């Protein structure tokens, strides 16, 4: 599933309104979901971030416990850097003495777990119509689809900007933490709009050669 910009805004806005005694829950999940949308990180990577892994001055995230045991550095935009800093300030004000060094916290001062994050996302999705009401979780778009959206959006932007995608795609593979660049090429084959753009680019090259 590829989220639209409007759906991402709805998810973040709805998550920010999640009620809790200390008012940290909404802040945590709106920031967490937003981070996944703008970086394409895996949920496990995001919730594994410790405070020392988030450089709020340089705007760089250090992913230490990634899939396949790989580590990488993920630079973020200025707006994301500002959002993370605002969250950190709110978190430290609400939970001044947490039980963990985790960057993203639950209200009891412990690390956010994957199960709780996915359950919360399911509830948010149901409230805005992305999942059916009535069932505990419901079927529909997943948190991991944030990663797909980021990759697809990046590739589409590159095609439309006239960049050489074949030359740029290894950068995206590294940013996403893919073991093989073939994992990144999969998005071109799986998404009709990307396949169309790639076909048009190839057709243009062949015409130019003639």
Foldseek 3Di string as FASTA:
>chain_A
DADDPVVLVLLLVLLLPDDDPLSLRSLLLSLLLVVCLQQLEDSVQQLPFFPVQADLVQQKGWRQCDPPRDIDIAHGDPVNSVSLVVSQVSCCVSCVDAPGRTSRADNNRDTDDPVNSFQSSQVSCCVVVQFPPDDSRGDGDGSSSSSLNNLLVVLVVCLVVVHPCVVCQVVVCRSHVPPDSVVSCVSCVPDVVSVVSVVVVVVVVVVVVD
